[in-house]
Amino acid sequence: MAPDTGGRHAKGAGADARGRRKRSRSSRSGATGAPLSRSVRAPAARHFQAGKLRADGPGSVLRCLVLVPGPEWVAIDLDSGALVRAHAGSQPGQPDDAGTRSTVSGDGDMSHGVDNVPPWPERSLQAVELRLGVDPEPPDPARPEAIVVSGRPVVLGEPRRRTTRRLLRQVVTKASDRPLLGTLGPSIAYGDLDGTRPSVVIVAPQARPRFGVGPTGPWCQFALGGRRHTMPCTEHAAPDPSATGHGTKLLVVALGAPRRGQVPKMVLGTLPLGR
């Protein structure tokens, strides 16, 4: 009787199929041509500390997790756990050799004559590489975390869900009972800022936040540390009501652009902690 090799052939076919699927996943790439991977590795989140020093020299490369996409982007440096954000009125672009900041005016034109500005990754919770450029202007005391990006961001992919949840829990502010961003009011006088206080925090509201649109634009209302806050928010900050999932769990709150000597607090984005 001939030996039965059907089982071995079936196992071999299954292994080949798994290998093809694995190669297919590893060969996917984003708009920049960089290979995507769901296993973007990060140091243990327990070593992260708010305000910890990060690489800041021109030409240095930061691996970051995007929290808020778009012109008012915010991200976490995966090597230090420090938060980084965009300059006021700027967005990542393709700067000149000096890596200067590219500012977008109200009509969308670039003040430095940079054409074909690539968009920031449209999805939050995506890992990217950012190359630091040279900032020709003095530090902004209202945005001490701001960095100048030289060249376009390189999309790396998405970290594993467990890694993302761990990172987000670690960067949530632990001082929820203290004044938000150092003051009880809805804004801070620009002259009172010296760059020693953070301009962006991640908070976990006590209940699901409310969003709406008023005469001055979209707004967000939430409770934190026994206080109720109502502040403006960006148009894309409100979660999509048609989206499925665990809903909004975290808010990215930051100081906005100065207006008449005051720097308002605002909600830049929302994050689902249970992603």
Foldseek 3Di string as FASTA:
>chain_A
DDDDCVVVVVVVVVVVVVVVVVVVQQCDFDPVNATADQAPDAPQLVQADEPFDDDADAFDKFKWFWAFFWQFTWTARRHHRYIATADAQFHAFADPPQLETWGADPVRQTPRRGPDGDGTPPDGQWIKMFGFGDYPDDDQLQALRYTRGHGHIGTHYHYHLVVSLSSLVSQADPPQQACDQHDVDQWDFSVVGDNPTHFKGKHFFPDAWDWDADPVGIWIWTHTNNDIDIHAEDPPAADDPVDDDDHFGMWIKGFHDDDPRITGIYTYHTDDSRD
